[in-house]
Amino acid sequence: MRVQEHMIHGLLELGPSVAPVLFSDDDYYQSYCGTGIDSSNKNSESNENTATPTKSRITCISDFETNPFHLPYIRSIFSKLTSLPYSCQFYGYLNGDILLSPQILDVLNETLHQIAAGVF
């Protein structure tokens, strides 16, 4: 299994408040978009804790500017992200070899509360 798959599934496990956007022109990873595996959609008929094919929550972007090593420029990433039809408080960037703790959502929500309270 490719290490990036763990990151993709981990982002999906964070729930519907997270809208993963995958920057890749690799056909393998493009298969995660549109109709792919959404690990938050459990097979309820058999009560198994397995993912079922469904409309994926992952948006794929394959048209982005890269450096000579084929890594995306951050300005290109954020330009593409801000043009998507999402309304969000935070944008984040992860390399495919990074795993997040589920507590990231708690941290971000607390950050919003602190911003609203004028602490930040």
C-alpha atoms as a PDB file:
ATOM      1  CA  MET A   1       0.000   0.000   0.000  1.00  0.00           C
ATOM      2  CA  ARG A   2       1.309   3.467  -0.814  1.00  0.00           C
ATOM      3  CA  VAL A   3       2.001   5.652   2.210  1.00  0.00           C
ATOM      4  CA  GLN A   4      -0.148   8.467   0.806  1.00  0.00           C
ATOM      5  CA  GLU A   5      -3.216   6.249   0.996  1.00  0.00           C
ATOM      6  CA  HIS A   6      -2.981   6.282   4.790  1.00  0.00           C
ATOM      7  CA  MET A   7      -3.026  10.074   4.750  1.00  0.00           C
ATOM      8  CA  ILE A   8      -6.056  10.123   2.428  1.00  0.00           C
ATOM      9  CA  HIS A   9      -8.001   7.687   4.584  1.00  0.00           C
ATOM     10  CA  GLY A  10      -6.973   9.570   7.725  1.00  0.00           C
ATOM     11  CA  LEU A  11      -8.349  12.825   6.339  1.00  0.00           C
ATOM     12  CA  LEU A  12     -11.618  11.110   5.461  1.00  0.00           C
ATOM     13  CA  GLU A  13     -11.833   9.709   8.990  1.00  0.00           C
ATOM     14  CA  LEU A  14     -11.868  13.273  10.342  1.00  0.00           C
ATOM     15  CA  GLY A  15     -15.463  13.472   9.146  1.00  0.00           C
ATOM     16  CA  PRO A  16     -17.616  15.599   6.866  1.00  0.00           C
ATOM     17  CA  SER A  17     -16.305  18.920   8.179  1.00  0.00           C
ATOM     18  CA  VAL A  18     -13.026  18.195   6.375  1.00  0.00           C
ATOM     19  CA  ALA A  19     -12.966  18.529   2.578  1.00  0.00           C
ATOM     20  CA  PRO A  20      -9.747  16.903   1.379  1.00  0.00           C
ATOM     21  CA  VAL A  21      -8.274  18.244  -1.847  1.00  0.00           C
ATOM     22  CA  LEU A  22      -5.683  16.067  -3.512  1.00  0.00           C
ATOM     23  CA  PHE A  23      -3.111  17.725  -5.762  1.00  0.00           C
ATOM     24  CA  SER A  24      -1.880  14.973  -8.040  1.00  0.00           C
ATOM     25  CA  ASP A  25      -1.795  14.168 -11.717  1.00  0.00           C
ATOM     26  CA  ASP A  26      -1.104  10.497 -11.003  1.00  0.00           C
ATOM     27  CA  ASP A  27      -3.873   8.281 -12.410  1.00  0.00           C
ATOM     28  CA  TYR A  28      -3.680   6.040  -9.346  1.00  0.00           C
ATOM     29  CA  TYR A  29      -4.565   8.880  -6.979  1.00  0.00           C
ATOM     30  CA  GLN A  30      -7.054  10.427  -9.374  1.00  0.00           C
ATOM     31  CA  SER A  31      -9.098   7.241  -8.827  1.00  0.00           C
ATOM     32  CA  TYR A  32      -9.837   8.498  -5.290  1.00  0.00           C
ATOM     33  CA  CYS A  33     -11.921  11.334  -6.707  1.00  0.00           C
ATOM     34  CA  GLY A  34     -15.467  11.373  -8.001  1.00  0.00           C
ATOM     35  CA  THR A  35     -16.437   7.809  -7.272  1.00  0.00           C
ATOM     36  CA  GLY A  36     -13.902   6.286  -4.953  1.00  0.00           C
ATOM     37  CA  ILE A  37     -13.676   4.875  -1.492  1.00  0.00           C
ATOM     38  CA  ASP A  38     -14.977   7.081   1.283  1.00  0.00           C
ATOM     39  CA  SER A  39     -13.918   5.369   4.488  1.00  0.00           C
ATOM     40  CA  SER A  40     -16.441   7.371   6.512  1.00  0.00           C
ATOM     41  CA  ASN A  41     -19.276   5.560   4.705  1.00  0.00           C
ATOM     42  CA  LYS A  42     -19.537   2.261   6.571  1.00  0.00           C
ATOM     43  CA  ASN A  43     -21.519  -0.694   5.289  1.00  0.00           C
ATOM     44  CA  SER A  44     -24.496  -0.528   7.643  1.00  0.00           C
ATOM     45  CA  GLU A  45     -26.405  -3.473   6.165  1.00  0.00           C
ATOM     46  CA  SER A  46     -23.838  -6.013   7.284  1.00  0.00           C
ATOM     47  CA  ASN A  47     -22.671  -4.029  10.325  1.00  0.00           C
ATOM     48  CA  GLU A  48     -19.115  -4.440   9.108  1.00  0.00           C
ATOM     49  CA  ASN A  49     -16.619  -1.699   9.700  1.00  0.00           C
ATOM     50  CA  THR A  50     -15.505  -1.674   6.066  1.00  0.00           C
ATOM     51  CA  ALA A  51     -15.581   1.067   3.479  1.00  0.00           C
ATOM     52  CA  THR A  52     -17.968   0.820   0.572  1.00  0.00           C
ATOM     53  CA  PRO A  53     -17.702   2.439  -2.851  1.00  0.00           C
ATOM     54  CA  THR A  54     -19.538   5.747  -2.895  1.00  0.00           C
ATOM     55  CA  LYS A  55     -19.258   9.319  -4.110  1.00  0.00           C
ATOM     56  CA  SER A  56     -15.915  10.370  -2.705  1.00  0.00           C
ATOM     57  CA  ARG A  57     -15.513  13.533  -0.622  1.00  0.00           C
ATOM     58  CA  ILE A  58     -12.092  14.074  -2.152  1.00  0.00           C
ATOM     59  CA  THR A  59     -11.609  16.762  -4.761  1.00  0.00           C
ATOM     60  CA  CYS A  60      -8.697  16.162  -7.100  1.00  0.00           C
ATOM     61  CA  ILE A  61      -6.768  18.902  -8.835  1.00  0.00           C
ATOM     62  CA  SER A  62      -4.305  17.869 -11.505  1.00  0.00           C
ATOM     63  CA  ASP A  63      -3.638  21.293 -13.046  1.00  0.00           C
ATOM     64  CA  PHE A  64      -1.136  23.098 -10.796  1.00  0.00           C
ATOM     65  CA  GLU A  65       2.259  24.738 -11.108  1.00  0.00           C
ATOM     66  CA  THR A  66       5.264  22.699 -10.001  1.00  0.00           C
ATOM     67  CA  ASN A  67       8.959  23.160  -9.435  1.00  0.00           C
ATOM     68  CA  PRO A  68      11.575  21.143 -11.388  1.00  0.00           C
ATOM     69  CA  PHE A  69      11.067  18.232  -8.942  1.00  0.00           C
ATOM     70  CA  HIS A  70       7.332  18.117  -9.769  1.00  0.00           C
ATOM     71  CA  LEU A  71       6.343  19.421  -6.332  1.00  0.00           C
ATOM     72  CA  PRO A  72       3.497  21.958  -6.303  1.00  0.00           C
ATOM     73  CA  TYR A  73       4.194  25.591  -5.540  1.00  0.00           C
ATOM     74  CA  ILE A  74       2.285  26.721  -2.464  1.00  0.00           C
ATOM     75  CA  ARG A  75       0.974  29.817  -4.275  1.00  0.00           C
ATOM     76  CA  SER A  76      -0.483  27.562  -6.977  1.00  0.00           C
ATOM     77  CA  ILE A  77      -2.098  25.336  -4.340  1.00  0.00           C
ATOM     78  CA  PHE A  78      -3.751  28.232  -2.515  1.00  0.00           C
ATOM     79  CA  SER A  79      -4.814  29.859  -5.776  1.00  0.00           C
ATOM     80  CA  LYS A  80      -6.628  26.656  -6.739  1.00  0.00           C
ATOM     81  CA  LEU A  81      -8.098  26.186  -3.245  1.00  0.00           C
ATOM     82  CA  THR A  82      -9.578  29.667  -3.061  1.00  0.00           C
ATOM     83  CA  SER A  83     -11.287  29.154  -6.421  1.00  0.00           C
ATOM     84  CA  LEU A  84     -13.192  26.068  -5.180  1.00  0.00           C
ATOM     85  CA  PRO A  85     -16.861  26.403  -4.146  1.00  0.00           C
ATOM     86  CA  TYR A  86     -16.083  25.716  -0.471  1.00  0.00           C
ATOM     87  CA  SER A  87     -16.672  27.950   2.489  1.00  0.00           C
ATOM     88  CA  CYS A  88     -14.093  27.252   5.153  1.00  0.00           C
ATOM     89  CA  GLN A  89     -12.307  28.862   8.055  1.00  0.00           C
ATOM     90  CA  PHE A  90      -8.959  27.131   7.533  1.00  0.00           C
ATOM     91  CA  TYR A  91      -6.860  25.750   4.711  1.00  0.00           C
ATOM     92  CA  GLY A  92      -4.084  23.304   5.417  1.00  0.00           C
ATOM     93  CA  TYR A  93      -1.338  21.590   3.506  1.00  0.00           C
ATOM     94  CA  LEU A  94       0.056  18.113   4.158  1.00  0.00           C
ATOM     95  CA  ASN A  95       2.637  16.089   2.358  1.00  0.00           C
ATOM     96  CA  GLY A  96       1.462  12.553   1.699  1.00  0.00           C
ATOM     97  CA  ASP A  97       3.695  11.107   4.408  1.00  0.00           C
ATOM     98  CA  ILE A  98       2.132  13.090   7.281  1.00  0.00           C
ATOM     99  CA  LEU A  99      -0.539  11.715   9.602  1.00  0.00           C
ATOM    100  CA  LEU A 100      -2.778  13.973  11.688  1.00  0.00           C
ATOM    101  CA  SER A 101      -4.237  13.373  15.100  1.00  0.00           C
ATOM    102  CA  PRO A 102      -8.052  13.490  15.230  1.00  0.00           C
ATOM    103  CA  GLN A 103      -7.543  16.208  17.847  1.00  0.00           C
ATOM    104  CA  ILE A 104      -6.656  18.624  15.044  1.00  0.00           C
ATOM    105  CA  LEU A 105     -10.356  19.495  14.750  1.00  0.00           C
ATOM    106  CA  ASP A 106     -10.541  20.298  18.467  1.00  0.00           C
ATOM    107  CA  VAL A 107      -7.483  22.525  18.134  1.00  0.00           C
ATOM    108  CA  LEU A 108      -8.927  24.345  15.119  1.00  0.00           C
ATOM    109  CA  ASN A 109     -12.322  24.823  16.795  1.00  0.00           C
ATOM    110  CA  GLU A 110     -10.650  26.192  19.920  1.00  0.00           C
ATOM    111  CA  THR A 111      -8.611  28.507  17.728  1.00  0.00           C
ATOM    112  CA  LEU A 112     -11.832  29.843  16.174  1.00  0.00           C
ATOM    113  CA  HIS A 113     -13.256  30.478  19.652  1.00  0.00           C
ATOM    114  CA  GLN A 114     -10.084  32.288  20.692  1.00  0.00           C
ATOM    115  CA  ILE A 115     -10.185  34.419  17.550  1.00  0.00           C
ATOM    116  CA  ALA A 116     -13.848  35.308  18.190  1.00  0.00           C
ATOM    117  CA  ALA A 117     -12.982  36.193  21.785  1.00  0.00           C
ATOM    118  CA  GLY A 118     -10.249  38.526  20.580  1.00  0.00           C
ATOM    119  CA  VAL A 119      -7.439  36.505  22.125  1.00  0.00           C
ATOM    120  CA  PHE A 120      -5.699  36.103  18.757  1.00  0.00           C
END
